[in-house]
Amino acid sequence: MKLANLFKIALKALNNNKLRCFLTMLGIIIGVASVITMLAIGQGSKNSIKAQISEMGSNMIMIHPGNMQRGGVRQSADDMQTIKIEDYEALQNLPGVAAISPSVNSAGQFVNGNNNYPSSIYGVTPDYLDIRKLKIKDGTIFTDQDIKSAAKVCILGKTVVDNLFTNGEDPIGRVVRFGKIPMTVIGVLESKGTNSMGQDQDDVVLAPYTTVMKRILAIDYLQGLFASAVDEAQTEATIDGITAVLRANHRLKEDADNDFEIRSQQELSQMMNSTSDMMTVLLACIAGISLLVGGIGIMNIMYVSVTERTREIGLRMSIGARGIDILSQFLIEAVIISVTGGVIGILVGVIASWLVTVIANWPVYIQIYSVVLSFAVCTVTGIFFGWYPAQKASNLDPIEAIRYE
């Protein structure tokens, strides 16, 4: 029998049971829409994390004192004083290092007139702004002379400005106090908002590292170093170079552990991507259960259809229809149900993803492969779950089928 005639017969049979046909499709529609939406949410979150990490500096390298044992007692990284000015100076001209800045910080209360706000002050160099992708909105950055003289100057983040200058005054040139130390505001940073971990990136105050070391903390060591590689591809090689220099400076033996820790944005990115991928797969698997349920629904309906049309099958076979014709007819019905449900499911999934963006304001990104995969799975589902009922129909004995009541 011609394929066109088989399609006509299959469509006519489905048209005779519209509601049942739609309810069968519903499982496939929900399954496909769920898979597309869940994968879009997962990929959107991953892209958002990548973008925010990139804004922080994808080739950034962080160097901090590390845990180590002294006299059999493990020392906390907070108690270690292993990073010195000499380390900063030794790393400045290291090949592969594009920029490097010392880092010392202290938390406390900033005061301007009757306004006060708790924040953290970070002692850095101008290179820190390039490393962390920060920009000056108003005013200027502190100079090398400010660093040499430990000048009492600072640059404020937007959150600090909003809380200290509540009447909209221009903060440039104004004096704010950090504890008992007066600091002249010479600049304001551009707003960066919150990062992927929900931290306010505008709640920060920058000052020359010598100012924080000498006037606030009264220390002669660094709490850490921030550096950036020339490009992201050279990050690992740059970390190896930094490690070698620091081990030589600290006179560590070959079998001794590092007394410092080095972290890169790549590590953070890989960890976040791994977590995001795991959650995406979990969401897709949960959504995929709907496809399985939809396939079982197709199989169930096809069984019912074969039972209802047993006499019809017997009559067709008695006038010359072959087993392959009967098999093809019922298989075409199953595929039409699953493919149509898949197409509708794709449309519903795209609309649902858009609604998630509009209503929940979540980052969503629909990938072509998720649409193709969902459509392919629903087609295979129709063939797989429709095959056995169709095979059963094609193997019916014509005489027994005609006698069936």
Protein backbone atom coordinates (compact mmCIF):
# COMPACT_ATOMS: atom_id res chain seq x y z
CA MET A 1 0.00 0.00 0.00
CA LYS A 2 1.25 3.48 -0.81
CA LEU A 3 2.71 5.56 2.03
CA ALA A 4 0.35 8.47 1.19
CA ASN A 5 -2.69 6.24 1.71
CA LEU A 6 -1.30 4.99 5.02
CA PHE A 7 -0.90 8.61 6.18
CA LYS A 8 -4.49 9.39 5.19
CA ILE A 9 -5.81 6.39 7.09
CA ALA A 10 -3.70 7.26 10.16
CA LEU A 11 -4.84 10.90 10.14
CA LYS A 12 -8.48 9.86 9.76
CA ALA A 13 -8.18 7.49 12.72
CA LEU A 14 -6.64 10.21 14.89
CA ASN A 15 -9.25 12.74 13.78
CA ASN A 16 -12.00 10.40 14.98
CA ASN A 17 -10.60 10.59 18.53
CA LYS A 18 -9.43 14.20 18.85
CA LEU A 19 -9.65 14.54 22.65
CA ARG A 20 -7.93 11.23 23.32
CA CYS A 21 -5.26 12.12 20.79
CA PHE A 22 -4.64 15.52 22.44
CA LEU A 23 -4.46 14.06 25.94
CA THR A 24 -1.90 11.55 24.66
CA MET A 25 0.13 14.38 23.12
CA LEU A 26 0.00 16.33 26.38
CA GLY A 27 2.61 14.11 28.00
CA ILE A 28 5.00 14.69 25.08
CA ILE A 29 4.23 18.45 25.04
CA ILE A 30 4.96 18.83 28.75
CA GLY A 31 8.10 16.68 28.49
CA VAL A 32 9.62 18.56 25.55
CA ALA A 33 8.69 21.98 26.98
CA SER A 34 10.19 21.05 30.36
CA VAL A 35 13.47 19.82 28.87
CA ILE A 36 13.90 22.96 26.73
CA THR A 37 13.03 25.31 29.62
CA MET A 38 15.24 23.56 32.17
CA LEU A 39 18.23 23.42 29.82
CA ALA A 40 17.68 27.09 28.93
CA ILE A 41 17.67 28.08 32.62
CA GLY A 42 20.81 26.01 33.28
CA GLN A 43 22.71 27.41 30.29
CA GLY A 44 21.54 30.93 31.08
CA SER A 45 22.88 30.64 34.63
CA LYS A 46 26.18 29.29 33.30
CA ASN A 47 26.55 32.17 30.83
CA SER A 48 25.68 34.68 33.56
CA ILE A 49 28.36 33.24 35.86
CA LYS A 50 30.93 33.35 33.05
CA ALA A 51 30.07 36.98 32.28
CA GLN A 52 30.35 38.07 35.90
CA ILE A 53 33.64 36.23 36.40
CA SER A 54 34.92 37.86 33.22
CA GLU A 55 33.94 41.27 34.61
CA MET A 56 36.03 40.51 37.69
CA GLY A 57 39.00 39.64 35.46
CA SER A 58 39.11 36.18 33.85
CA ASN A 59 42.92 36.15 34.02
CA MET A 60 43.13 37.36 37.63
CA ILE A 61 45.47 35.56 40.03
CA MET A 62 45.13 35.83 43.83
CA ILE A 63 48.06 35.12 46.15
CA HIS A 64 47.51 34.75 49.91
CA PRO A 65 49.44 33.35 52.87
CA GLY A 66 48.80 29.63 53.24
CA ASN A 67 48.29 27.24 56.13
CA MET A 68 51.48 25.59 57.33
CA GLN A 69 52.91 23.85 60.38
CA ARG A 70 55.36 25.40 62.76
CA GLY A 71 56.73 23.26 65.59
CA GLY A 72 54.09 20.64 64.88
CA VAL A 73 51.27 23.19 65.19
CA ARG A 74 49.25 24.11 62.10
CA GLN A 75 49.07 27.87 61.69
CA SER A 76 46.01 29.64 60.32
CA ALA A 77 46.44 31.60 57.07
CA ASP A 78 45.22 34.69 58.96
CA ASP A 79 48.17 34.39 61.36
CA MET A 80 50.77 33.96 58.64
CA GLN A 81 53.00 36.87 57.62
CA THR A 82 54.74 35.21 54.70
CA ILE A 83 53.88 37.71 51.93
CA LYS A 84 56.28 40.67 52.03
CA ILE A 85 56.93 43.83 50.05
CA GLU A 86 60.01 42.06 48.65
CA ASP A 87 57.73 39.44 47.06
CA TYR A 88 55.68 42.17 45.39
CA GLU A 89 58.81 43.82 44.04
CA ALA A 90 60.24 40.49 42.79
CA LEU A 91 57.06 39.67 40.89
CA GLN A 92 56.64 43.06 39.21
CA ASN A 93 58.95 42.21 36.32
CA LEU A 94 58.08 38.52 36.04
CA PRO A 95 57.32 37.52 32.40
CA GLY A 96 53.62 36.76 31.96
CA VAL A 97 52.49 39.14 34.72
CA ALA A 98 50.61 42.04 33.16
CA ALA A 99 49.85 43.86 36.42
CA ILE A 100 50.27 43.21 40.14
CA SER A 101 49.09 44.98 43.29
CA PRO A 102 49.63 44.43 47.02
CA SER A 103 46.49 43.97 49.10
CA VAL A 104 45.85 44.86 52.73
CA ASN A 105 42.44 45.60 54.18
CA SER A 106 40.60 46.56 57.31
CA ALA A 107 36.94 46.83 58.22
CA GLY A 108 35.54 49.75 60.16
CA GLN A 109 33.17 52.70 60.33
CA PHE A 110 33.33 55.56 57.85
CA VAL A 111 31.95 58.87 59.07
CA ASN A 112 30.88 62.01 57.23
CA GLY A 113 29.18 64.58 59.44
CA ASN A 114 26.10 62.91 60.91
CA ASN A 115 26.26 60.00 58.50
CA ASN A 116 28.22 56.83 59.10
CA TYR A 117 28.53 53.52 57.29
CA PRO A 118 30.41 50.26 58.02
CA SER A 119 32.61 49.16 55.13
CA SER A 120 36.07 47.83 54.27
CA ILE A 121 39.08 49.80 53.13
CA TYR A 122 41.50 48.09 50.75
CA GLY A 123 45.09 49.17 50.43
CA VAL A 124 46.20 48.69 46.82
CA THR A 125 48.06 50.29 43.91
CA PRO A 126 46.53 51.77 40.71
CA ASP A 127 47.19 48.42 38.97
CA TYR A 128 44.43 46.93 41.15
CA LEU A 129 41.81 48.76 39.12
CA ASP A 130 43.04 47.16 35.89
CA ILE A 131 43.21 43.71 37.49
CA ARG A 132 39.66 43.90 38.91
CA LYS A 133 38.21 45.75 35.88
CA LEU A 134 37.30 48.80 37.98
CA LYS A 135 36.94 52.28 36.52
CA ILE A 136 36.99 55.78 37.99
CA LYS A 137 33.71 57.61 37.38
CA ASP A 138 34.68 60.94 38.96
CA GLY A 139 37.98 62.27 40.24
CA THR A 140 41.36 60.57 39.90
CA ILE A 141 43.36 57.60 41.12
CA PHE A 142 46.07 58.07 43.75
CA THR A 143 49.61 58.60 42.46
CA ASP A 144 52.97 56.94 43.11
CA GLN A 145 53.81 59.91 45.32
CA ASP A 146 50.67 59.24 47.38
CA ILE A 147 51.88 55.65 47.84
CA LYS A 148 55.40 56.72 48.87
CA SER A 149 54.12 59.25 51.38
CA ALA A 150 51.27 57.04 52.67
CA ALA A 151 48.87 59.87 51.84
CA LYS A 152 45.50 59.94 53.57
CA VAL A 153 43.45 59.78 50.37
CA CYS A 154 40.78 57.34 49.24
CA ILE A 155 38.42 56.35 46.43
CA LEU A 156 34.83 55.44 47.33
CA GLY A 157 32.46 52.87 45.83
CA LYS A 158 28.92 53.94 44.94
CA THR A 159 27.30 52.21 47.94
CA VAL A 160 29.60 54.04 50.36
CA VAL A 161 28.94 57.36 48.59
CA ASP A 162 25.17 56.86 48.76
CA ASN A 163 25.32 56.19 52.51
CA LEU A 164 27.77 58.93 53.47
CA PHE A 165 26.53 61.70 51.17
CA THR A 166 22.78 61.30 51.50
CA ASN A 167 21.95 64.77 50.17
CA GLY A 168 23.62 64.18 46.83
CA GLU A 169 26.72 66.28 47.58
CA ASP A 170 29.80 65.89 45.42
CA PRO A 171 32.18 63.73 47.50
CA ILE A 172 35.32 64.76 45.58
CA GLY A 173 37.57 66.83 47.86
CA ARG A 174 35.50 66.09 50.96
CA VAL A 175 37.07 64.56 54.06
CA VAL A 176 35.64 61.40 55.62
CA ARG A 177 36.91 59.66 58.73
CA PHE A 178 37.82 56.00 59.01
CA GLY A 179 37.87 55.53 62.76
CA LYS A 180 39.95 58.50 63.84
CA ILE A 181 41.87 58.90 60.59
CA PRO A 182 40.73 61.68 58.20
CA MET A 183 40.81 60.63 54.53
CA THR A 184 40.35 62.99 51.57
CA VAL A 185 38.09 61.61 48.83
CA ILE A 186 39.85 61.96 45.47
CA GLY A 187 37.68 59.68 43.35
CA VAL A 188 34.47 57.66 42.96
CA LEU A 189 34.27 54.25 41.28
CA GLU A 190 31.80 53.31 38.55
CA SER A 191 29.02 51.06 39.84
CA LYS A 192 29.40 47.31 39.23
CA GLY A 193 26.39 46.01 41.20
CA THR A 194 26.35 42.58 42.85
CA ASN A 195 28.43 39.63 41.69
CA SER A 196 27.33 36.01 41.08
CA MET A 197 27.61 35.27 44.81
CA GLY A 198 25.37 38.18 45.79
CA GLN A 199 28.15 40.40 47.12
CA ASP A 200 27.88 44.17 46.65
CA GLN A 201 30.91 45.14 44.54
CA ASP A 202 30.24 48.84 45.20
CA ASP A 203 30.63 48.49 48.98
CA VAL A 204 34.37 49.22 48.91
CA VAL A 205 36.91 51.95 49.63
CA LEU A 206 40.37 51.99 48.01
CA ALA A 207 43.47 53.70 49.39
CA PRO A 208 47.25 53.46 48.88
CA TYR A 209 48.46 50.18 50.41
CA THR A 210 51.13 52.02 52.39
CA THR A 211 48.43 54.16 54.03
CA VAL A 212 46.48 51.11 55.21
CA MET A 213 49.65 49.26 56.30
CA LYS A 214 51.23 52.13 58.27
CA ARG A 215 48.38 54.35 59.44
CA ILE A 216 45.57 51.82 60.01
CA LEU A 217 46.97 48.30 60.55
CA ALA A 218 50.53 49.18 61.65
CA ILE A 219 52.02 46.10 59.94
CA ASP A 220 55.04 45.51 57.72
CA TYR A 221 53.72 42.55 55.72
CA LEU A 222 51.07 42.10 53.03
CA GLN A 223 47.82 40.21 53.44
CA GLY A 224 47.94 39.20 49.80
CA LEU A 225 48.74 40.06 46.21
CA PHE A 226 46.46 40.46 43.20
CA ALA A 227 47.94 39.89 39.74
CA SER A 228 46.76 39.36 36.20
CA ALA A 229 48.29 37.25 33.46
CA VAL A 230 49.04 38.76 30.05
CA ASP A 231 46.14 36.68 28.70
CA GLU A 232 43.90 33.90 29.97
CA ALA A 233 45.79 31.20 28.04
CA GLN A 234 49.00 32.00 29.94
CA THR A 235 47.43 31.93 33.42
CA GLU A 236 48.74 28.47 34.37
CA ALA A 237 52.27 29.24 33.15
CA THR A 238 52.21 32.55 35.05
CA ILE A 239 51.11 30.77 38.24
CA ASP A 240 54.04 28.35 37.87
CA GLY A 241 56.42 31.32 37.50
CA ILE A 242 54.96 33.07 40.57
CA THR A 243 55.26 29.86 42.59
CA ALA A 244 58.93 29.46 41.68
CA VAL A 245 59.75 33.08 42.61
CA LEU A 246 57.92 32.94 45.95
CA ARG A 247 59.49 29.61 46.93
CA ALA A 248 62.94 31.03 46.16
CA ASN A 249 62.21 34.26 48.10
CA HIS A 250 60.93 32.29 51.10
CA ARG A 251 63.90 29.88 50.96
CA LEU A 252 61.68 26.81 50.99
CA LYS A 253 63.31 23.40 50.65
CA GLU A 254 62.32 21.17 47.74
CA ASP A 255 60.26 18.85 49.96
CA ALA A 256 58.64 21.70 51.93
CA ASP A 257 55.02 22.75 51.39
CA ASN A 258 54.25 26.20 50.05
CA ASP A 259 53.63 28.82 52.74
CA PHE A 260 51.30 30.62 50.35
CA GLU A 261 48.23 29.83 48.26
CA ILE A 262 47.59 30.83 44.66
CA ARG A 263 44.10 30.88 43.18
CA SER A 264 42.94 31.93 39.75
CA GLN A 265 39.60 32.92 38.27
CA GLN A 266 39.85 29.85 36.04
CA GLU A 267 39.56 27.62 39.11
CA LEU A 268 36.51 29.54 40.28
CA SER A 269 35.04 29.44 36.79
CA GLN A 270 35.59 25.68 36.47
CA MET A 271 34.05 25.03 39.88
CA MET A 272 30.99 27.18 39.15
CA ASN A 273 30.59 25.66 35.67
CA SER A 274 30.85 22.15 37.10
CA THR A 275 28.14 22.91 39.66
CA SER A 276 25.98 24.58 37.01
CA ASP A 277 26.39 21.63 34.61
CA MET A 278 25.44 19.19 37.34
CA MET A 279 22.29 21.15 38.16
CA THR A 280 21.42 21.43 34.46
CA VAL A 281 21.75 17.67 33.96
CA LEU A 282 19.67 17.04 37.08
CA LEU A 283 16.94 19.40 35.86
CA ALA A 284 17.01 17.84 32.38
CA CYS A 285 16.73 14.32 33.85
CA ILE A 286 13.75 15.34 35.96
CA ALA A 287 12.12 16.94 32.91
CA GLY A 288 12.98 13.86 30.82
CA ILE A 289 10.77 11.75 33.08
CA SER A 290 7.83 13.59 31.53
CA LEU A 291 8.93 12.34 28.10
CA LEU A 292 9.05 8.78 29.43
CA VAL A 293 5.56 9.17 30.88
CA GLY A 294 4.39 10.61 27.55
CA GLY A 295 5.85 7.61 25.71
CA ILE A 296 4.07 5.20 28.03
CA GLY A 297 0.87 7.15 27.33
CA ILE A 298 1.37 6.66 23.57
CA MET A 299 1.91 2.93 24.07
CA ASN A 300 -1.21 2.66 26.19
CA ILE A 301 -3.39 4.52 23.68
CA MET A 302 -2.04 2.49 20.77
CA TYR A 303 -2.90 -0.70 22.63
CA VAL A 304 -6.44 0.62 23.15
CA SER A 305 -6.62 1.60 19.48
CA VAL A 306 -5.51 -1.87 18.32
CA THR A 307 -8.10 -3.50 20.58
CA GLU A 308 -10.89 -1.21 19.39
CA ARG A 309 -10.06 -1.72 15.71
CA THR A 310 -9.37 -5.44 15.74
CA ARG A 311 -12.24 -6.20 13.33
CA GLU A 312 -11.14 -3.38 11.02
CA ILE A 313 -7.65 -4.87 10.95
CA GLY A 314 -9.08 -8.32 10.18
CA LEU A 315 -11.19 -6.98 7.29
CA ARG A 316 -8.26 -5.06 5.78
CA MET A 317 -6.01 -8.08 5.98
CA SER A 318 -8.72 -10.32 4.48
CA ILE A 319 -8.89 -8.14 1.35
CA GLY A 320 -5.15 -8.13 0.81
CA ALA A 321 -3.48 -5.77 3.31
CA ARG A 322 -0.09 -7.13 4.36
CA GLY A 323 1.29 -7.25 7.89
CA ILE A 324 3.81 -4.53 7.00
CA ASP A 325 0.92 -2.27 5.92
CA ILE A 326 -0.86 -2.71 9.26
CA LEU A 327 2.43 -2.22 11.11
CA SER A 328 3.17 0.97 9.15
CA GLN A 329 -0.31 2.38 9.72
CA PHE A 330 -0.20 2.13 13.51
CA LEU A 331 3.43 3.17 13.64
CA ILE A 332 2.61 6.28 11.59
CA GLU A 333 -0.18 7.13 14.05
CA ALA A 334 2.26 6.88 16.98
CA VAL A 335 4.88 9.01 15.21
CA ILE A 336 2.31 11.66 14.21
CA ILE A 337 1.19 11.94 17.85
CA SER A 338 4.75 12.22 19.17
CA VAL A 339 6.07 14.57 16.44
CA THR A 340 3.07 16.89 16.64
CA GLY A 341 3.37 16.90 20.42
CA GLY A 342 7.08 17.63 20.02
CA VAL A 343 6.50 20.63 17.75
CA ILE A 344 3.89 22.06 20.13
CA GLY A 345 6.20 21.28 23.06
CA ILE A 346 9.04 23.25 21.44
CA LEU A 347 6.79 26.28 21.03
CA VAL A 348 5.57 25.97 24.64
CA GLY A 349 9.17 25.57 25.85
CA VAL A 350 10.33 28.72 24.03
CA ILE A 351 7.38 30.70 25.41
CA ALA A 352 7.95 29.31 28.93
CA SER A 353 11.65 30.29 28.76
CA TRP A 354 10.68 33.81 27.72
CA LEU A 355 8.18 34.03 30.59
CA VAL A 356 10.87 32.93 33.06
CA THR A 357 13.04 35.83 31.86
CA VAL A 358 10.21 38.36 32.00
CA ILE A 359 8.55 37.29 35.27
CA ALA A 360 11.39 35.84 37.38
CA ASN A 361 14.16 37.92 35.73
CA TRP A 362 16.38 34.82 35.51
CA PRO A 363 19.05 34.58 32.81
CA VAL A 364 17.84 32.16 30.11
CA TYR A 365 19.61 30.95 26.98
CA ILE A 366 17.96 28.49 24.57
CA GLN A 367 20.50 26.36 22.73
CA ILE A 368 19.70 24.88 19.32
CA TYR A 369 20.95 21.46 20.41
CA SER A 370 18.34 21.31 23.21
CA VAL A 371 15.54 21.91 20.68
CA VAL A 372 16.94 19.36 18.20
CA LEU A 373 17.58 16.84 21.01
CA SER A 374 14.07 17.20 22.42
CA PHE A 375 12.51 16.80 18.97
CA ALA A 376 14.68 13.76 18.19
CA VAL A 377 13.87 12.14 21.54
CA CYS A 378 10.12 12.61 21.13
CA THR A 379 10.30 11.11 17.60
CA VAL A 380 12.25 8.10 18.84
CA THR A 381 9.82 7.83 21.75
CA GLY A 382 6.90 7.60 19.32
CA ILE A 383 8.63 4.89 17.26
CA PHE A 384 9.81 2.94 20.33
CA PHE A 385 6.56 2.93 22.25
CA GLY A 386 4.40 2.63 19.14
CA TRP A 387 6.29 -0.32 17.67
CA TYR A 388 5.04 -3.08 19.97
CA PRO A 389 1.30 -2.29 19.66
CA ALA A 390 1.77 -1.90 15.89
CA GLN A 391 3.64 -5.20 15.73
CA LYS A 392 0.84 -6.87 17.68
CA ALA A 393 -1.74 -5.50 15.24
CA SER A 394 0.24 -6.76 12.21
CA ASN A 395 0.44 -10.28 13.66
CA LEU A 396 -3.30 -10.66 14.20
CA ASP A 397 -4.95 -13.63 12.51
CA PRO A 398 -7.46 -12.19 9.95
CA ILE A 399 -10.16 -14.77 10.72
CA GLU A 400 -9.85 -14.35 14.49
CA ALA A 401 -9.80 -10.57 14.09
CA ILE A 402 -13.03 -10.57 12.06
CA ARG A 403 -14.72 -12.70 14.72
CA TYR A 404 -13.55 -10.39 17.52
CA GLU A 405 -16.39 -8.73 19.46
